[in-house]
């Protein structure tokens, strides 16, 4: 995984500060140590619907500032999407 355990913990804290309680996964290229570059793809699964777009945007900006590289943040919003399933199955859960 190409973020440190400290960064993973900080990312979870940022999401909780901006969006509330959530489960988080890192997925995509940053899961693999042998790959280079790329943004940090993060998936946040919220227990309740109703996350606003501006809250998600603020969380994404805070994550980018904290990690020092681009972030692709996806938050579930009641819709079942294949990418959410892939993020959970192929990604690494952050705690």
PDB file of N, CA and C in Angstrom:
ATOM      1  N   UNK A   1       0.858  -1.170   0.000  1.00  0.00           N
ATOM      2  CA  UNK A   1       0.000   0.000   0.000  1.00  0.00           C
ATOM      3  C   UNK A   1       0.903   1.231   0.000  1.00  0.00           C
ATOM      4  N   UNK A   2       0.608   2.158  -0.894  1.00  0.00           N
ATOM      5  CA  UNK A   2       1.483   3.312  -1.042  1.00  0.00           C
ATOM      6  C   UNK A   2       0.992   4.557  -0.324  1.00  0.00           C
ATOM      7  N   UNK A   3       0.426   4.378   0.850  1.00  0.00           N
ATOM      8  CA  UNK A   3       0.282   5.447   1.825  1.00  0.00           C
ATOM      9  C   UNK A   3       0.699   4.827   3.154  1.00  0.00           C
ATOM     10  N   UNK A   4       1.202   5.644   4.031  1.00  0.00           N
ATOM     11  CA  UNK A   4       1.697   5.128   5.305  1.00  0.00           C
ATOM     12  C   UNK A   4       0.521   4.847   6.254  1.00  0.00           C
ATOM     13  N   UNK A   5       0.759   4.026   7.278  1.00  0.00           N
ATOM     14  CA  UNK A   5      -0.295   3.821   8.273  1.00  0.00           C
ATOM     15  C   UNK A   5      -0.746   5.132   8.936  1.00  0.00           C
ATOM     16  N   UNK A   6       0.190   6.043   9.140  1.00  0.00           N
ATOM     17  CA  UNK A   6      -0.159   7.351   9.712  1.00  0.00           C
ATOM     18  C   UNK A   6      -1.078   8.117   8.770  1.00  0.00           C
ATOM     19  N   UNK A   7      -0.757   8.131   7.476  1.00  0.00           N
ATOM     20  CA  UNK A   7      -1.602   8.804   6.498  1.00  0.00           C
ATOM     21  C   UNK A   7      -2.983   8.159   6.428  1.00  0.00           C
ATOM     22  N   UNK A   8      -3.032   6.836   6.519  1.00  0.00           N
ATOM     23  CA  UNK A   8      -4.316   6.133   6.490  1.00  0.00           C
ATOM     24  C   UNK A   8      -5.176   6.581   7.666  1.00  0.00           C
ATOM     25  N   UNK A   9      -4.600   6.634   8.851  1.00  0.00           N
ATOM     26  CA  UNK A   9      -5.333   7.080  10.028  1.00  0.00           C
ATOM     27  C   UNK A   9      -5.785   8.527   9.910  1.00  0.00           C
ATOM     28  N   UNK A  10      -4.920   9.360   9.355  1.00  0.00           N
ATOM     29  CA  UNK A  10      -5.279  10.771   9.168  1.00  0.00           C
ATOM     30  C   UNK A  10      -6.401  10.915   8.142  1.00  0.00           C
ATOM     31  N   UNK A  11      -6.377  10.090   7.098  1.00  0.00           N
ATOM     32  CA  UNK A  11      -7.432  10.139   6.076  1.00  0.00           C
ATOM     33  C   UNK A  11      -8.777   9.769   6.684  1.00  0.00           C
ATOM     34  N   UNK A  12      -8.797   8.749   7.515  1.00  0.00           N
ATOM     35  CA  UNK A  12     -10.034   8.356   8.193  1.00  0.00           C
ATOM     36  C   UNK A  12     -10.522   9.499   9.089  1.00  0.00           C
ATOM     37  N   UNK A  13      -9.611  10.137   9.791  1.00  0.00           N
ATOM     38  CA  UNK A  13      -9.981  11.260  10.668  1.00  0.00           C
ATOM     39  C   UNK A  13     -10.556  12.424   9.865  1.00  0.00           C
ATOM     40  N   UNK A  14      -9.965  12.720   8.716  1.00  0.00           N
ATOM     41  CA  UNK A  14     -10.474  13.809   7.863  1.00  0.00           C
ATOM     42  C   UNK A  14     -11.897  13.498   7.418  1.00  0.00           C
ATOM     43  N   UNK A  15     -12.132  12.278   6.963  1.00  0.00           N
ATOM     44  CA  UNK A  15     -13.469  11.910   6.507  1.00  0.00           C
ATOM     45  C   UNK A  15     -14.478  12.031   7.648  1.00  0.00           C
ATOM     46  N   UNK A  16     -14.101  11.578   8.805  1.00  0.00           N
ATOM     47  CA  UNK A  16     -15.026  11.664   9.949  1.00  0.00           C
ATOM     48  C   UNK A  16     -15.288  13.108  10.350  1.00  0.00           C
ATOM     49  N   UNK A  17     -14.267  13.970  10.241  1.00  0.00           N
ATOM     50  CA  UNK A  17     -14.453  15.389  10.558  1.00  0.00           C
ATOM     51  C   UNK A  17     -15.444  16.051   9.606  1.00  0.00           C
ATOM     52  N   UNK A  18     -15.345  15.719   8.313  1.00  0.00           N
ATOM     53  CA  UNK A  18     -16.170  16.385   7.312  1.00  0.00           C
ATOM     54  C   UNK A  18     -17.493  15.683   7.033  1.00  0.00           C
ATOM     55  N   UNK A  19     -17.496  14.341   7.113  1.00  0.00           N
ATOM     56  CA  UNK A  19     -18.675  13.597   6.679  1.00  0.00           C
ATOM     57  C   UNK A  19     -19.336  12.770   7.772  1.00  0.00           C
ATOM     58  N   UNK A  20     -18.688  12.653   8.914  1.00  0.00           N
ATOM     59  CA  UNK A  20     -19.245  11.831   9.984  1.00  0.00           C
ATOM     60  C   UNK A  20     -18.719  10.407   9.925  1.00  0.00           C
ATOM     61  N   UNK A  21     -19.407   9.523  10.600  1.00  0.00           N
ATOM     62  CA  UNK A  21     -18.979   8.132  10.686  1.00  0.00           C
ATOM     63  C   UNK A  21     -18.989   7.490   9.307  1.00  0.00           C
ATOM     64  N   UNK A  22     -17.888   6.834   8.975  1.00  0.00           N
ATOM     65  CA  UNK A  22     -17.782   6.168   7.678  1.00  0.00           C
ATOM     66  C   UNK A  22     -16.772   5.035   7.755  1.00  0.00           C
ATOM     67  N   UNK A  23     -16.969   4.053   6.897  1.00  0.00           N
ATOM     68  CA  UNK A  23     -15.947   3.047   6.659  1.00  0.00           C
ATOM     69  C   UNK A  23     -15.209   3.489   5.412  1.00  0.00           C
ATOM     70  N   UNK A  24     -13.875   3.289   5.384  1.00  0.00           N
ATOM     71  CA  UNK A  24     -13.095   3.772   4.244  1.00  0.00           C
ATOM     72  C   UNK A  24     -12.206   2.694   3.656  1.00  0.00           C
ATOM     73  N   UNK A  25     -12.051   2.773   2.334  1.00  0.00           N
ATOM     74  CA  UNK A  25     -11.149   1.880   1.608  1.00  0.00           C
ATOM     75  C   UNK A  25     -10.267   2.696   0.668  1.00  0.00           C
ATOM     76  N   UNK A  26      -9.021   2.281   0.560  1.00  0.00           N
ATOM     77  CA  UNK A  26      -8.112   2.754  -0.474  1.00  0.00           C
ATOM     78  C   UNK A  26      -8.188   1.724  -1.578  1.00  0.00           C
ATOM     79  N   UNK A  27      -8.368   2.167  -2.816  1.00  0.00           N
ATOM     80  CA  UNK A  27      -8.408   1.227  -3.927  1.00  0.00           C
ATOM     81  C   UNK A  27      -7.685   1.832  -5.115  1.00  0.00           C
ATOM     82  N   UNK A  28      -7.549   1.085  -6.171  1.00  0.00           N
ATOM     83  CA  UNK A  28      -6.853   1.576  -7.350  1.00  0.00           C
ATOM     84  C   UNK A  28      -5.355   1.362  -7.246  1.00  0.00           C
ATOM     85  N   UNK A  29      -4.594   2.158  -7.991  1.00  0.00           N
ATOM     86  CA  UNK A  29      -3.154   1.932  -8.135  1.00  0.00           C
ATOM     87  C   UNK A  29      -2.366   2.077  -6.834  1.00  0.00           C
ATOM     88  N   UNK A  30      -2.823   2.886  -5.897  1.00  0.00           N
ATOM     89  CA  UNK A  30      -2.063   3.088  -4.656  1.00  0.00           C
ATOM     90  C   UNK A  30      -2.115   1.887  -3.709  1.00  0.00           C
ATOM     91  N   UNK A  31      -2.924   0.906  -4.022  1.00  0.00           N
ATOM     92  CA  UNK A  31      -2.950  -0.329  -3.234  1.00  0.00           C
ATOM     93  C   UNK A  31      -1.698  -1.160  -3.513  1.00  0.00           C
ATOM     94  N   UNK A  32      -1.138  -1.006  -4.703  1.00  0.00           N
ATOM     95  CA  UNK A  32      -0.042  -1.858  -5.165  1.00  0.00           C
ATOM     96  C   UNK A  32       1.313  -1.163  -5.014  1.00  0.00           C
ATOM     97  N   UNK A  33       2.201  -1.772  -4.248  1.00  0.00           N
ATOM     98  CA  UNK A  33       3.523  -1.197  -3.988  1.00  0.00           C
ATOM     99  C   UNK A  33       4.372  -1.053  -5.245  1.00  0.00           C
ATOM    100  N   UNK A  34       4.199  -1.924  -6.219  1.00  0.00           N
ATOM    101  CA  UNK A  34       5.041  -1.921  -7.412  1.00  0.00           C
ATOM    102  C   UNK A  34       4.649  -0.849  -8.427  1.00  0.00           C
ATOM    103  N   UNK A  35       3.513  -0.234  -8.260  1.00  0.00           N
ATOM    104  CA  UNK A  35       3.080   0.801  -9.207  1.00  0.00           C
ATOM    105  C   UNK A  35       3.604   2.160  -8.764  1.00  0.00           C
ATOM    106  N   UNK A  36       3.586   3.099  -9.702  1.00  0.00           N
ATOM    107  CA  UNK A  36       4.102   4.446  -9.426  1.00  0.00           C
ATOM    108  C   UNK A  36       3.045   5.475  -9.798  1.00  0.00           C
ATOM    109  N   UNK A  37       3.123   6.630  -9.122  1.00  0.00           N
ATOM    110  CA  UNK A  37       2.241   7.748  -9.450  1.00  0.00           C
ATOM    111  C   UNK A  37       0.796   7.448  -9.134  1.00  0.00           C
ATOM    112  N   UNK A  38      -0.053   8.217  -9.744  1.00  0.00           N
ATOM    113  CA  UNK A  38      -1.485   8.026  -9.565  1.00  0.00           C
ATOM    114  C   UNK A  38      -2.035   8.749  -8.357  1.00  0.00           C
ATOM    115  N   UNK A  39      -3.323   8.995  -8.429  1.00  0.00           N
ATOM    116  CA  UNK A  39      -3.984   9.640  -7.300  1.00  0.00           C
ATOM    117  C   UNK A  39      -4.343   8.586  -6.259  1.00  0.00           C
ATOM    118  N   UNK A  40      -4.795   9.024  -5.124  1.00  0.00           N
ATOM    119  CA  UNK A  40      -5.272   8.116  -4.086  1.00  0.00           C
ATOM    120  C   UNK A  40      -6.777   7.995  -4.251  1.00  0.00           C
ATOM    121  N   UNK A  41      -7.233   6.824  -4.670  1.00  0.00           N
ATOM    122  CA  UNK A  41      -8.664   6.581  -4.810  1.00  0.00           C
ATOM    123  C   UNK A  41      -9.192   6.109  -3.468  1.00  0.00           C
ATOM    124  N   UNK A  42     -10.138   6.840  -2.925  1.00  0.00           N
ATOM    125  CA  UNK A  42     -10.714   6.518  -1.624  1.00  0.00           C
ATOM    126  C   UNK A  42     -12.219   6.361  -1.748  1.00  0.00           C
ATOM    127  N   UNK A  43     -12.757   5.355  -1.080  1.00  0.00           N
ATOM    128  CA  UNK A  43     -14.192   5.120  -1.042  1.00  0.00           C
ATOM    129  C   UNK A  43     -14.646   5.209   0.408  1.00  0.00           C
ATOM    130  N   UNK A  44     -15.651   6.028   0.663  1.00  0.00           N
ATOM    131  CA  UNK A  44     -16.226   6.163   2.000  1.00  0.00           C
ATOM    132  C   UNK A  44     -17.658   5.655   1.964  1.00  0.00           C
ATOM    133  N   UNK A  45     -17.937   4.662   2.806  1.00  0.00           N
ATOM    134  CA  UNK A  45     -19.290   4.130   2.897  1.00  0.00           C
ATOM    135  C   UNK A  45     -19.923   4.686   4.168  1.00  0.00           C
ATOM    136  N   UNK A  46     -20.975   5.452   3.979  1.00  0.00           N
ATOM    137  CA  UNK A  46     -21.659   6.127   5.072  1.00  0.00           C
ATOM    138  C   UNK A  46     -22.831   5.274   5.548  1.00  0.00           C
ATOM    139  N   UNK A  47     -23.112   5.285   6.857  1.00  0.00           N
ATOM    140  CA  UNK A  47     -24.242   4.503   7.356  1.00  0.00           C
ATOM    141  C   UNK A  47     -25.591   5.116   6.995  1.00  0.00           C
ATOM    142  N   UNK A  48     -25.624   6.416   6.799  1.00  0.00           N
ATOM    143  CA  UNK A  48     -26.864   7.096   6.466  1.00  0.00           C
ATOM    144  C   UNK A  48     -26.684   7.915   5.197  1.00  0.00           C
ATOM    145  N   UNK A  49     -27.718   8.030   4.391  1.00  0.00           N
ATOM    146  CA  UNK A  49     -27.624   8.868   3.189  1.00  0.00           C
ATOM    147  C   UNK A  49     -27.658  10.346   3.557  1.00  0.00           C
ATOM    148  N   UNK A  50     -27.386  11.175   2.584  1.00  0.00           N
ATOM    149  CA  UNK A  50     -27.560  12.592   2.795  1.00  0.00           C
ATOM    150  C   UNK A  50     -26.282  13.407   2.849  1.00  0.00           C
ATOM    151  N   UNK A  51     -25.174  12.857   2.374  1.00  0.00           N
ATOM    152  CA  UNK A  51     -23.940  13.626   2.325  1.00  0.00           C
ATOM    153  C   UNK A  51     -24.052  14.645   1.195  1.00  0.00           C
ATOM    154  N   UNK A  52     -23.760  15.883   1.511  1.00  0.00           N
ATOM    155  CA  UNK A  52     -23.874  16.952   0.531  1.00  0.00           C
ATOM    156  C   UNK A  52     -22.619  17.073  -0.320  1.00  0.00           C
ATOM    157  N   UNK A  53     -22.808  17.543  -1.518  1.00  0.00           N
ATOM    158  CA  UNK A  53     -21.701  17.679  -2.454  1.00  0.00           C
ATOM    159  C   UNK A  53     -20.615  18.599  -1.903  1.00  0.00           C
ATOM    160  N   UNK A  54     -20.984  19.720  -1.303  1.00  0.00           N
ATOM    161  CA  UNK A  54     -19.958  20.651  -0.818  1.00  0.00           C
ATOM    162  C   UNK A  54     -19.162  20.050   0.347  1.00  0.00           C
ATOM    163  N   UNK A  55     -19.800  19.208   1.168  1.00  0.00           N
ATOM    164  CA  UNK A  55     -19.064  18.537   2.249  1.00  0.00           C
ATOM    165  C   UNK A  55     -18.047  17.552   1.678  1.00  0.00           C
ATOM    166  N   UNK A  56     -18.442  16.832   0.644  1.00  0.00           N
ATOM    167  CA  UNK A  56     -17.543  15.889  -0.015  1.00  0.00           C
ATOM    168  C   UNK A  56     -16.383  16.635  -0.666  1.00  0.00           C
ATOM    169  N   UNK A  57     -16.655  17.755  -1.301  1.00  0.00           N
ATOM    170  CA  UNK A  57     -15.600  18.548  -1.939  1.00  0.00           C
ATOM    171  C   UNK A  57     -14.608  19.072  -0.903  1.00  0.00           C
ATOM    172  N   UNK A  58     -15.105  19.553   0.215  1.00  0.00           N
ATOM    173  CA  UNK A  58     -14.217  20.042   1.277  1.00  0.00           C
ATOM    174  C   UNK A  58     -13.358  18.916   1.834  1.00  0.00           C
ATOM    175  N   UNK A  59     -13.950  17.744   2.013  1.00  0.00           N
ATOM    176  CA  UNK A  59     -13.187  16.583   2.494  1.00  0.00           C
ATOM    177  C   UNK A  59     -12.103  16.206   1.498  1.00  0.00           C
ATOM    178  N   UNK A  60     -12.428  16.229   0.219  1.00  0.00           N
ATOM    179  CA  UNK A  60     -11.458  15.894  -0.826  1.00  0.00           C
ATOM    180  C   UNK A  60     -10.284  16.865  -0.829  1.00  0.00           C
ATOM    181  N   UNK A  61     -10.559  18.142  -0.682  1.00  0.00           N
ATOM    182  CA  UNK A  61      -9.500  19.160  -0.633  1.00  0.00           C
ATOM    183  C   UNK A  61      -8.613  18.940   0.588  1.00  0.00           C
ATOM    184  N   UNK A  62      -9.224  18.679   1.735  1.00  0.00           N
ATOM    185  CA  UNK A  62      -8.449  18.434   2.961  1.00  0.00           C
ATOM    186  C   UNK A  62      -7.576  17.185   2.813  1.00  0.00           C
ATOM    187  N   UNK A  63      -8.104  16.149   2.172  1.00  0.00           N
ATOM    188  CA  UNK A  63      -7.320  14.930   1.949  1.00  0.00           C
ATOM    189  C   UNK A  63      -6.133  15.203   1.034  1.00  0.00           C
ATOM    190  N   UNK A  64      -6.353  15.959  -0.039  1.00  0.00           N
ATOM    191  CA  UNK A  64      -5.262  16.292  -0.952  1.00  0.00           C
ATOM    192  C   UNK A  64      -4.173  17.083  -0.244  1.00  0.00           C
ATOM    193  N   UNK A  65      -4.552  18.018   0.586  1.00  0.00           N
ATOM    194  CA  UNK A  65      -3.566  18.804   1.330  1.00  0.00           C
ATOM    195  C   UNK A  65      -2.793  17.934   2.308  1.00  0.00           C
ATOM    196  N   UNK A  66      -3.484  17.030   2.964  1.00  0.00           N
ATOM    197  CA  UNK A  66      -2.846  16.160   3.945  1.00  0.00           C
ATOM    198  C   UNK A  66      -1.909  15.146   3.278  1.00  0.00           C
ATOM    199  N   UNK A  67      -2.347  14.536   2.175  1.00  0.00           N
ATOM    200  CA  UNK A  67      -1.551  13.505   1.508  1.00  0.00           C
ATOM    201  C   UNK A  67      -0.486  14.079   0.574  1.00  0.00           C
ATOM    202  N   UNK A  68      -0.710  15.278   0.070  1.00  0.00           N
ATOM    203  CA  UNK A  68       0.256  15.901  -0.822  1.00  0.00           C
ATOM    204  C   UNK A  68       0.172  15.430  -2.261  1.00  0.00           C
ATOM    205  N   UNK A  69      -0.932  14.809  -2.639  1.00  0.00           N
ATOM    206  CA  UNK A  69      -1.160  14.423  -4.035  1.00  0.00           C
ATOM    207  C   UNK A  69      -2.653  14.325  -4.297  1.00  0.00           C
ATOM    208  N   UNK A  70      -3.054  14.244  -5.574  1.00  0.00           N
ATOM    209  CA  UNK A  70      -4.479  14.222  -5.899  1.00  0.00           C
ATOM    210  C   UNK A  70      -5.217  13.050  -5.262  1.00  0.00           C
ATOM    211  N   UNK A  71      -6.490  13.291  -4.971  1.00  0.00           N
ATOM    212  CA  UNK A  71      -7.351  12.288  -4.357  1.00  0.00           C
ATOM    213  C   UNK A  71      -8.627  12.165  -5.176  1.00  0.00           C
ATOM    214  N   UNK A  72      -9.035  10.945  -5.410  1.00  0.00           N
ATOM    215  CA  UNK A  72     -10.346  10.672  -5.998  1.00  0.00           C
ATOM    216  C   UNK A  72     -11.222  10.122  -4.885  1.00  0.00           C
ATOM    217  N   UNK A  73     -12.150  10.924  -4.395  1.00  0.00           N
ATOM    218  CA  UNK A  73     -12.992  10.517  -3.275  1.00  0.00           C
ATOM    219  C   UNK A  73     -14.384  10.167  -3.777  1.00  0.00           C
ATOM    220  N   UNK A  74     -14.826   8.976  -3.437  1.00  0.00           N
ATOM    221  CA  UNK A  74     -16.155   8.530  -3.797  1.00  0.00           C
ATOM    222  C   UNK A  74     -16.907   8.216  -2.506  1.00  0.00           C
ATOM    223  N   UNK A  75     -18.102   8.764  -2.389  1.00  0.00           N
ATOM    224  CA  UNK A  75     -18.933   8.542  -1.215  1.00  0.00           C
ATOM    225  C   UNK A  75     -20.233   7.916  -1.695  1.00  0.00           C
ATOM    226  N   UNK A  76     -20.655   6.842  -1.021  1.00  0.00           N
ATOM    227  CA  UNK A  76     -21.915   6.225  -1.440  1.00  0.00           C
ATOM    228  C   UNK A  76     -23.077   7.141  -1.090  1.00  0.00           C
ATOM    229  N   UNK A  77     -24.030   7.174  -1.964  1.00  0.00           N
ATOM    230  CA  UNK A  77     -25.230   7.988  -1.762  1.00  0.00           C
ATOM    231  C   UNK A  77     -26.467   7.183  -2.146  1.00  0.00           C
ATOM    232  N   UNK A  78     -26.696   6.100  -1.442  1.00  0.00           N
ATOM    233  CA  UNK A  78     -27.865   5.241  -1.609  1.00  0.00           C
ATOM    234  C   UNK A  78     -27.875   4.445  -2.905  1.00  0.00           C
ATOM    235  N   UNK A  79     -27.043   4.785  -3.871  1.00  0.00           N
ATOM    236  CA  UNK A  79     -27.048   4.071  -5.146  1.00  0.00           C
ATOM    237  C   UNK A  79     -26.060   2.909  -5.070  1.00  0.00           C
ATOM    238  N   UNK A  80     -26.490   1.766  -5.545  1.00  0.00           N
ATOM    239  CA  UNK A  80     -25.586   0.624  -5.614  1.00  0.00           C
ATOM    240  C   UNK A  80     -24.855   0.721  -6.938  1.00  0.00           C
ATOM    241  N   UNK A  81     -23.546   0.901  -6.844  1.00  0.00           N
ATOM    242  CA  UNK A  81     -22.733   1.009  -8.045  1.00  0.00           C
ATOM    243  C   UNK A  81     -21.653  -0.050  -8.004  1.00  0.00           C
ATOM    244  N   UNK A  82     -21.309  -0.553  -9.164  1.00  0.00           N
ATOM    245  CA  UNK A  82     -20.292  -1.587  -9.274  1.00  0.00           C
ATOM    246  C   UNK A  82     -18.955  -1.098  -8.724  1.00  0.00           C
ATOM    247  N   UNK A  83     -18.605   0.155  -8.950  1.00  0.00           N
ATOM    248  CA  UNK A  83     -17.318   0.670  -8.484  1.00  0.00           C
ATOM    249  C   UNK A  83     -17.223   0.614  -6.959  1.00  0.00           C
ATOM    250  N   UNK A  84     -18.326   0.783  -6.267  1.00  0.00           N
ATOM    251  CA  UNK A  84     -18.326   0.689  -4.800  1.00  0.00           C
ATOM    252  C   UNK A  84     -18.022  -0.740  -4.359  1.00  0.00           C
ATOM    253  N   UNK A  85     -18.603  -1.694  -5.042  1.00  0.00           N
ATOM    254  CA  UNK A  85     -18.338  -3.098  -4.745  1.00  0.00           C
ATOM    255  C   UNK A  85     -16.878  -3.435  -5.020  1.00  0.00           C
ATOM    256  N   UNK A  86     -16.346  -2.961  -6.144  1.00  0.00           N
ATOM    257  CA  UNK A  86     -14.941  -3.209  -6.492  1.00  0.00           C
ATOM    258  C   UNK A  86     -14.023  -2.586  -5.446  1.00  0.00           C
ATOM    259  N   UNK A  87     -14.325  -1.370  -5.013  1.00  0.00           N
ATOM    260  CA  UNK A  87     -13.500  -0.692  -4.005  1.00  0.00           C
ATOM    261  C   UNK A  87     -13.430  -1.509  -2.722  1.00  0.00           C
ATOM    262  N   UNK A  88     -14.560  -2.067  -2.301  1.00  0.00           N
ATOM    263  CA  UNK A  88     -14.576  -2.878  -1.075  1.00  0.00           C
ATOM    264  C   UNK A  88     -13.869  -4.210  -1.262  1.00  0.00           C
ATOM    265  N   UNK A  89     -14.045  -4.846  -2.403  1.00  0.00           N
ATOM    266  CA  UNK A  89     -13.487  -6.171  -2.619  1.00  0.00           C
ATOM    267  C   UNK A  89     -11.991  -6.154  -2.959  1.00  0.00           C
ATOM    268  N   UNK A  90     -11.561  -5.185  -3.750  1.00  0.00           N
ATOM    269  CA  UNK A  90     -10.160  -5.148  -4.200  1.00  0.00           C
ATOM    270  C   UNK A  90      -9.327  -4.150  -3.420  1.00  0.00           C
ATOM    271  N   UNK A  91      -9.967  -3.320  -2.628  1.00  0.00           N
ATOM    272  CA  UNK A  91      -9.253  -2.280  -1.901  1.00  0.00           C
ATOM    273  C   UNK A  91      -8.766  -2.745  -0.542  1.00  0.00           C
ATOM    274  N   UNK A  92      -8.149  -1.802   0.159  1.00  0.00           N
ATOM    275  CA  UNK A  92      -7.626  -2.040   1.512  1.00  0.00           C
ATOM    276  C   UNK A  92      -8.445  -1.165   2.465  1.00  0.00           C
ATOM    277  N   UNK A  93      -9.049  -1.787   3.449  1.00  0.00           N
ATOM    278  CA  UNK A  93      -9.839  -1.031   4.429  1.00  0.00           C
ATOM    279  C   UNK A  93      -8.902  -0.214   5.312  1.00  0.00           C
ATOM    280  N   UNK A  94      -9.222   1.057   5.466  1.00  0.00           N
ATOM    281  CA  UNK A  94      -8.434   1.951   6.302  1.00  0.00           C
ATOM    282  C   UNK A  94      -9.110   2.091   7.655  1.00  0.00           C
ATOM    283  N   UNK A  95      -8.299   2.116   8.692  1.00  0.00           N
ATOM    284  CA  UNK A  95      -8.840   2.229  10.061  1.00  0.00           C
ATOM    285  C   UNK A  95      -8.134   3.320  10.804  1.00  0.00           C
TER     286      UNK A  95
END
